[in-house]
Each structure stands twice: as structure tokens, then as C-alpha cells.
């Protein structure tokens, strides 16, 4: 195996891990994700209480039947916890479209990875959205230079310049875009103040 292939594979593994952890953190903060997670866990616990799968074969051995019942309950609990974990690490809506659009305009790092969408959240009582990307290896200046291409491919316009992510907005691995749908409409007619 070539050293470049090895480095690319390691970078891909790191990227996948970082994106999953970022999506987990973003989904934990969302109420909808918590509701779906709690429903998955509660349904698993209810299934443990009410679902009985009979022991295959003859049930003459009560110790073996008891082990079978506990194994089924444990399997159901594990499956419900796995379902909860899947819900908490799910990508945001339209992730594939957004990431493939950025790949299409060649907004990629040196390994050919486009930014990974971590969060696609609407701001309250408006059509403005916050898009947070894992963008390791793609400078903020590159985003600014490619603004028109990014806006065209995502069919949005930027409300403000891209910012770094993280708690204190100083993590260079994340880029946050505040966008509104469609092209920006410019006011053509003059604005008058009727009270003057």
C-alpha cells in the first residue's frame, strides 16, 4: 500500500469519527432527537416486558428456558439502544444534496473530501438557517472566495460572512453559514419616510 493511500485512509477515518461526534453533539441539543430517542428506548423496554419468543424445541429444561428469555430481553434492549444511537448520529435533512453540491463545485480539501454537513437548523420564526460544516482543510478564505458558487449550488444567499465554529467561534475545523433561501432581492425603489 502506498504511503499516500495510507494517509488518505487515516484522514478518512478521522473525518468520519469527527463528523459522527459532531452530529451526536448537535442532535443531543435538539428536542426532536430526544423525543425520538426516548420513544425508541421506551418501545424497547415495553417489548422486553410484553414480547415472549418461545424456546425452540422442547421446553423441558427450565434453566435453559430462563436463559433464553433473558437473552431475548437483552437482545431487545441492545437493539433499542442501537436504534437510539442511530437516531442521535443521524445526518441533518438534505445532507446528501448539500454535500454533493459542494463536491460538484470542487469545494474540497486536498484529499477530495467536501465539507460534511453537521447541522442544518432553522432560526426561530424566520426562514433563515444555520448550516454548520466540518470543513477541516478548507480555509475560511476559500469559502469567501467561492461565495457565489456556494450560493448558486445551495440556492441560498448569505446573511453574514462565514464564521468559525466551536463554543467560542475559534475552531477552524468548522465553518458556520447563516443563510436564507433563494437569491438575495435588492430594493429597486427609493425608501421614503412618511412622517418627515
C-alpha atoms as a PDB file:
ATOM      1  CA  UNK A   1       0.000   0.000   0.000  1.00  0.00           C
ATOM      2  CA  UNK A   2       1.284   3.422  -0.962  1.00  0.00           C
ATOM      3  CA  UNK A   3       2.034   5.914   1.831  1.00  0.00           C
ATOM      4  CA  UNK A   4      -0.350   8.447   0.239  1.00  0.00           C
ATOM      5  CA  UNK A   5      -3.158   5.882   0.259  1.00  0.00           C
ATOM      6  CA  UNK A   6      -2.439   5.103   3.914  1.00  0.00           C
ATOM      7  CA  UNK A   7      -2.526   8.790   4.861  1.00  0.00           C
ATOM      8  CA  UNK A   8      -5.763   9.290   2.904  1.00  0.00           C
ATOM      9  CA  UNK A   9      -7.361   6.300   4.645  1.00  0.00           C
ATOM     10  CA  UNK A  10      -6.310   7.600   8.075  1.00  0.00           C
ATOM     11  CA  UNK A  11      -7.701  11.039   7.230  1.00  0.00           C
ATOM     12  CA  UNK A  12     -10.968   9.459   6.075  1.00  0.00           C
ATOM     13  CA  UNK A  13     -11.278   7.540   9.366  1.00  0.00           C
ATOM     14  CA  UNK A  14     -10.539  10.677  11.396  1.00  0.00           C
ATOM     15  CA  UNK A  15     -13.047  12.669   9.364  1.00  0.00           C
ATOM     16  CA  UNK A  16     -15.774  10.013   9.801  1.00  0.00           C
ATOM     17  CA  UNK A  17     -15.186   9.902  13.576  1.00  0.00           C
ATOM     18  CA  UNK A  18     -15.183  13.699  13.930  1.00  0.00           C
ATOM     19  CA  UNK A  19     -18.347  14.079  11.840  1.00  0.00           C
ATOM     20  CA  UNK A  20     -20.183  11.403  13.866  1.00  0.00           C
ATOM     21  CA  UNK A  21     -19.202  13.007  17.178  1.00  0.00           C
ATOM     22  CA  UNK A  22     -20.204  16.449  15.871  1.00  0.00           C
ATOM     23  CA  UNK A  23     -23.585  15.182  14.680  1.00  0.00           C
ATOM     24  CA  UNK A  24     -24.103  13.428  18.018  1.00  0.00           C
ATOM     25  CA  UNK A  25     -23.411  16.684  19.890  1.00  0.00           C
ATOM     26  CA  UNK A  26     -25.684  18.661  17.546  1.00  0.00           C
ATOM     27  CA  UNK A  27     -28.532  16.125  17.789  1.00  0.00           C
ATOM     28  CA  UNK A  28     -28.310  15.923  21.580  1.00  0.00           C
ATOM     29  CA  UNK A  29     -29.184  19.627  21.702  1.00  0.00           C
ATOM     30  CA  UNK A  30     -32.293  19.174  19.529  1.00  0.00           C
ATOM     31  CA  UNK A  31     -35.640  18.373  21.173  1.00  0.00           C
ATOM     32  CA  UNK A  32     -36.914  16.291  18.232  1.00  0.00           C
ATOM     33  CA  UNK A  33     -33.944  13.947  18.508  1.00  0.00           C
ATOM     34  CA  UNK A  34     -34.541  13.483  22.233  1.00  0.00           C
ATOM     35  CA  UNK A  35     -38.209  12.627  21.669  1.00  0.00           C
ATOM     36  CA  UNK A  36     -37.339  10.026  19.011  1.00  0.00           C
ATOM     37  CA  UNK A  37     -34.560   8.593  21.206  1.00  0.00           C
ATOM     38  CA  UNK A  38     -36.833   8.283  24.241  1.00  0.00           C
ATOM     39  CA  UNK A  39     -39.524   6.644  22.092  1.00  0.00           C
ATOM     40  CA  UNK A  40     -37.002   4.088  20.802  1.00  0.00           C
ATOM     41  CA  UNK A  41     -35.814   3.259  24.331  1.00  0.00           C
ATOM     42  CA  UNK A  42     -39.334   3.084  25.798  1.00  0.00           C
ATOM     43  CA  UNK A  43     -40.535   0.857  22.971  1.00  0.00           C
ATOM     44  CA  UNK A  44     -37.551  -1.431  23.614  1.00  0.00           C
ATOM     45  CA  UNK A  45     -38.358  -1.660  27.311  1.00  0.00           C
ATOM     46  CA  UNK A  46     -42.027  -2.333  26.566  1.00  0.00           C
ATOM     47  CA  UNK A  47     -41.043  -5.018  24.089  1.00  0.00           C
ATOM     48  CA  UNK A  48     -38.916  -6.637  26.818  1.00  0.00           C
ATOM     49  CA  UNK A  49     -41.915  -6.691  29.111  1.00  0.00           C
ATOM     50  CA  UNK A  50     -44.505  -7.998  26.657  1.00  0.00           C
ATOM     51  CA  UNK A  51     -42.730  -9.882  23.870  1.00  0.00           C
ATOM     52  CA  UNK A  52     -42.156 -13.549  24.574  1.00  0.00           C
ATOM     53  CA  UNK A  53     -40.427 -15.674  21.973  1.00  0.00           C
ATOM     54  CA  UNK A  54     -40.891 -19.339  22.808  1.00  0.00           C
ATOM     55  CA  UNK A  55     -37.849 -21.507  23.293  1.00  0.00           C
ATOM     56  CA  UNK A  56     -37.214 -23.524  20.133  1.00  0.00           C
ATOM     57  CA  UNK A  57     -37.668 -27.217  20.689  1.00  0.00           C
ATOM     58  CA  UNK A  58     -38.796 -28.885  23.875  1.00  0.00           C
ATOM     59  CA  UNK A  59     -39.170 -26.661  26.946  1.00  0.00           C
ATOM     60  CA  UNK A  60     -38.362 -29.388  29.497  1.00  0.00           C
ATOM     61  CA  UNK A  61     -35.280 -27.589  30.787  1.00  0.00           C
ATOM     62  CA  UNK A  62     -36.472 -24.619  32.885  1.00  0.00           C
ATOM     63  CA  UNK A  63     -32.949 -23.263  33.411  1.00  0.00           C
ATOM     64  CA  UNK A  64     -32.318 -23.156  29.673  1.00  0.00           C
ATOM     65  CA  UNK A  65     -35.719 -21.529  29.021  1.00  0.00           C
ATOM     66  CA  UNK A  66     -34.936 -18.855  31.620  1.00  0.00           C
ATOM     67  CA  UNK A  67     -31.538 -18.159  29.977  1.00  0.00           C
ATOM     68  CA  UNK A  68     -33.316 -17.966  26.601  1.00  0.00           C
ATOM     69  CA  UNK A  69     -35.837 -15.417  27.929  1.00  0.00           C
ATOM     70  CA  UNK A  70     -33.102 -13.229  29.442  1.00  0.00           C
ATOM     71  CA  UNK A  71     -31.044 -13.440  26.241  1.00  0.00           C
ATOM     72  CA  UNK A  72     -34.052 -12.274  24.189  1.00  0.00           C
ATOM     73  CA  UNK A  73     -34.679  -9.402  26.623  1.00  0.00           C
ATOM     74  CA  UNK A  74     -31.014  -8.390  26.447  1.00  0.00           C
ATOM     75  CA  UNK A  75     -31.073  -8.532  22.643  1.00  0.00           C
ATOM     76  CA  UNK A  76     -34.179  -6.318  22.503  1.00  0.00           C
ATOM     77  CA  UNK A  77     -32.583  -3.815  24.901  1.00  0.00           C
ATOM     78  CA  UNK A  78     -29.381  -3.749  22.854  1.00  0.00           C
ATOM     79  CA  UNK A  79     -31.353  -3.216  19.646  1.00  0.00           C
ATOM     80  CA  UNK A  80     -33.326  -0.337  21.189  1.00  0.00           C
ATOM     81  CA  UNK A  81     -30.095   1.285  22.435  1.00  0.00           C
ATOM     82  CA  UNK A  82     -28.556   0.855  18.980  1.00  0.00           C
ATOM     83  CA  UNK A  83     -31.649   2.471  17.436  1.00  0.00           C
ATOM     84  CA  UNK A  84     -31.308   5.384  19.891  1.00  0.00           C
ATOM     85  CA  UNK A  85     -27.644   5.804  18.960  1.00  0.00           C
ATOM     86  CA  UNK A  86     -28.510   5.758  15.258  1.00  0.00           C
ATOM     87  CA  UNK A  87     -31.138   8.455  15.843  1.00  0.00           C
ATOM     88  CA  UNK A  88     -28.637  10.628  17.707  1.00  0.00           C
ATOM     89  CA  UNK A  89     -25.980  10.324  14.982  1.00  0.00           C
ATOM     90  CA  UNK A  90     -28.293  10.798  12.005  1.00  0.00           C
ATOM     91  CA  UNK A  91     -27.236  13.426   9.484  1.00  0.00           C
ATOM     92  CA  UNK A  92     -29.396  16.548   9.076  1.00  0.00           C
ATOM     93  CA  UNK A  93     -32.041  16.845   6.377  1.00  0.00           C
ATOM     94  CA  UNK A  94     -30.789  17.307   2.793  1.00  0.00           C
ATOM     95  CA  UNK A  95     -27.226  16.377   3.762  1.00  0.00           C
ATOM     96  CA  UNK A  96     -26.564  14.337   0.645  1.00  0.00           C
ATOM     97  CA  UNK A  97     -27.810  17.125  -1.683  1.00  0.00           C
ATOM     98  CA  UNK A  98     -25.789  19.822   0.076  1.00  0.00           C
ATOM     99  CA  UNK A  99     -22.574  17.804   0.257  1.00  0.00           C
ATOM    100  CA  UNK A 100     -22.833  16.614  -3.354  1.00  0.00           C
ATOM    101  CA  UNK A 101     -23.468  20.219  -4.434  1.00  0.00           C
ATOM    102  CA  UNK A 102     -20.279  21.352  -2.725  1.00  0.00           C
ATOM    103  CA  UNK A 103     -18.437  18.403  -4.287  1.00  0.00           C
ATOM    104  CA  UNK A 104     -19.835  19.451  -7.683  1.00  0.00           C
ATOM    105  CA  UNK A 105     -18.270  22.928  -7.436  1.00  0.00           C
ATOM    106  CA  UNK A 106     -14.990  21.340  -6.254  1.00  0.00           C
ATOM    107  CA  UNK A 107     -15.043  22.874  -2.774  1.00  0.00           C
ATOM    108  CA  UNK A 108     -12.885  20.058  -1.419  1.00  0.00           C
ATOM    109  CA  UNK A 109      -9.795  19.550   0.701  1.00  0.00           C
ATOM    110  CA  UNK A 110      -6.567  18.091  -0.653  1.00  0.00           C
ATOM    111  CA  UNK A 111      -7.890  14.532  -0.276  1.00  0.00           C
ATOM    112  CA  UNK A 112     -11.021  15.279  -2.295  1.00  0.00           C
ATOM    113  CA  UNK A 113     -13.461  15.388   0.652  1.00  0.00           C
ATOM    114  CA  UNK A 114     -16.160  18.038   0.516  1.00  0.00           C
ATOM    115  CA  UNK A 115     -17.312  19.721   3.742  1.00  0.00           C
ATOM    116  CA  UNK A 116     -19.583  17.469   5.819  1.00  0.00           C
ATOM    117  CA  UNK A 117     -22.881  18.979   6.968  1.00  0.00           C
ATOM    118  CA  UNK A 118     -23.154  18.652  10.734  1.00  0.00           C
ATOM    119  CA  UNK A 119     -26.137  20.905  11.471  1.00  0.00           C
ATOM    120  CA  UNK A 120     -28.971  22.309   9.345  1.00  0.00           C
ATOM    121  CA  UNK A 121     -31.118  24.270  11.765  1.00  0.00           C
ATOM    122  CA  UNK A 122     -33.739  26.924  11.190  1.00  0.00           C
ATOM    123  CA  UNK A 123     -33.621  30.010  13.371  1.00  0.00           C
ATOM    124  CA  UNK A 124     -36.848  30.698  15.246  1.00  0.00           C
ATOM    125  CA  UNK A 125     -39.727  32.465  13.472  1.00  0.00           C
ATOM    126  CA  UNK A 126     -37.828  33.061  10.218  1.00  0.00           C
ATOM    127  CA  UNK A 127     -36.692  31.311   7.074  1.00  0.00           C
ATOM    128  CA  UNK A 128     -33.039  31.899   7.991  1.00  0.00           C
ATOM    129  CA  UNK A 129     -30.990  28.742   8.527  1.00  0.00           C
ATOM    130  CA  UNK A 130     -27.712  27.942  10.218  1.00  0.00           C
ATOM    131  CA  UNK A 131     -25.567  25.482   8.288  1.00  0.00           C
ATOM    132  CA  UNK A 132     -22.587  24.098  10.201  1.00  0.00           C
ATOM    133  CA  UNK A 133     -19.948  22.159   8.266  1.00  0.00           C
ATOM    134  CA  UNK A 134     -16.993  20.046   9.280  1.00  0.00           C
ATOM    135  CA  UNK A 135     -14.537  21.723   6.945  1.00  0.00           C
ATOM    136  CA  UNK A 136     -11.080  20.600   8.019  1.00  0.00           C
ATOM    137  CA  UNK A 137      -8.527  21.528   5.383  1.00  0.00           C
ATOM    138  CA  UNK A 138     -10.686  24.139   3.632  1.00  0.00           C
ATOM    139  CA  UNK A 139      -9.839  27.678   4.697  1.00  0.00           C
ATOM    140  CA  UNK A 140     -12.485  30.276   5.528  1.00  0.00           C
ATOM    141  CA  UNK A 141     -10.965  32.465   2.818  1.00  0.00           C
ATOM    142  CA  UNK A 142     -11.742  29.737   0.271  1.00  0.00           C
ATOM    143  CA  UNK A 143     -15.388  29.801   1.338  1.00  0.00           C
ATOM    144  CA  UNK A 144     -15.439  33.594   0.942  1.00  0.00           C
ATOM    145  CA  UNK A 145     -13.787  33.453  -2.499  1.00  0.00           C
ATOM    146  CA  UNK A 146     -16.274  30.795  -3.649  1.00  0.00           C
ATOM    147  CA  UNK A 147     -19.326  32.589  -2.187  1.00  0.00           C
ATOM    148  CA  UNK A 148     -21.239  32.975  -5.450  1.00  0.00           C
ATOM    149  CA  UNK A 149     -20.683  29.317  -6.424  1.00  0.00           C
ATOM    150  CA  UNK A 150     -21.730  28.111  -2.953  1.00  0.00           C
ATOM    151  CA  UNK A 151     -24.828  30.313  -3.018  1.00  0.00           C
ATOM    152  CA  UNK A 152     -25.772  29.084  -6.507  1.00  0.00           C
ATOM    153  CA  UNK A 153     -25.331  25.388  -5.800  1.00  0.00           C
ATOM    154  CA  UNK A 154     -27.203  25.545  -2.467  1.00  0.00           C
ATOM    155  CA  UNK A 155     -29.825  28.036  -3.769  1.00  0.00           C
ATOM    156  CA  UNK A 156     -29.316  30.351  -0.805  1.00  0.00           C
ATOM    157  CA  UNK A 157     -27.807  33.740  -0.066  1.00  0.00           C
ATOM    158  CA  UNK A 158     -25.550  34.537   2.839  1.00  0.00           C
ATOM    159  CA  UNK A 159     -26.884  36.758   5.582  1.00  0.00           C
ATOM    160  CA  UNK A 160     -23.427  37.233   7.045  1.00  0.00           C
ATOM    161  CA  UNK A 161     -19.859  36.164   6.343  1.00  0.00           C
ATOM    162  CA  UNK A 162     -18.816  32.611   7.263  1.00  0.00           C
ATOM    163  CA  UNK A 163     -17.618  32.157  10.814  1.00  0.00           C
ATOM    164  CA  UNK A 164     -15.563  29.513  12.532  1.00  0.00           C
ATOM    165  CA  UNK A 165     -17.448  27.008  14.676  1.00  0.00           C
ATOM    166  CA  UNK A 166     -16.949  25.821  18.206  1.00  0.00           C
ATOM    167  CA  UNK A 167     -18.079  27.274  21.508  1.00  0.00           C
ATOM    168  CA  UNK A 168     -16.057  30.449  21.188  1.00  0.00           C
ATOM    169  CA  UNK A 169     -16.187  30.532  17.382  1.00  0.00           C
ATOM    170  CA  UNK A 170     -12.475  29.747  17.178  1.00  0.00           C
ATOM    171  CA  UNK A 171     -12.416  26.143  15.895  1.00  0.00           C
ATOM    172  CA  UNK A 172     -11.016  26.287  12.358  1.00  0.00           C
ATOM    173  CA  UNK A 173     -12.288  22.778  11.565  1.00  0.00           C
ATOM    174  CA  UNK A 174     -15.879  24.038  11.444  1.00  0.00           C
ATOM    175  CA  UNK A 175     -17.483  26.692   9.241  1.00  0.00           C
ATOM    176  CA  UNK A 176     -20.864  28.196  10.113  1.00  0.00           C
ATOM    177  CA  UNK A 177     -23.016  29.789   7.406  1.00  0.00           C
ATOM    178  CA  UNK A 178     -26.125  31.843   8.167  1.00  0.00           C
ATOM    179  CA  UNK A 179     -28.254  31.708   5.018  1.00  0.00           C
ATOM    180  CA  UNK A 180     -31.699  32.456   3.656  1.00  0.00           C
ATOM    181  CA  UNK A 181     -33.314  30.599   0.744  1.00  0.00           C
ATOM    182  CA  UNK A 182     -33.127  31.822  -2.846  1.00  0.00           C
ATOM    183  CA  UNK A 183     -31.323  34.766  -4.362  1.00  0.00           C
ATOM    184  CA  UNK A 184     -30.983  37.992  -2.421  1.00  0.00           C
ATOM    185  CA  UNK A 185     -33.589  40.525  -3.536  1.00  0.00           C
ATOM    186  CA  UNK A 186     -32.393  44.084  -3.890  1.00  0.00           C
ATOM    187  CA  UNK A 187     -34.751  47.026  -3.317  1.00  0.00           C
ATOM    188  CA  UNK A 188     -35.191  48.925  -6.590  1.00  0.00           C
ATOM    189  CA  UNK A 189     -37.412  51.838  -5.487  1.00  0.00           C
ATOM    190  CA  UNK A 190     -36.262  54.555  -3.081  1.00  0.00           C
ATOM    191  CA  UNK A 191     -37.251  54.307   0.567  1.00  0.00           C
ATOM    192  CA  UNK A 192     -39.271  57.274   1.904  1.00  0.00           C
ATOM    193  CA  UNK A 193     -40.153  58.267   5.442  1.00  0.00           C
ATOM    194  CA  UNK A 194     -43.793  59.459   5.516  1.00  0.00           C
ATOM    195  CA  UNK A 195     -43.529  61.192   8.885  1.00  0.00           C
ATOM    196  CA  UNK A 196     -40.990  63.820   7.806  1.00  0.00           C
END
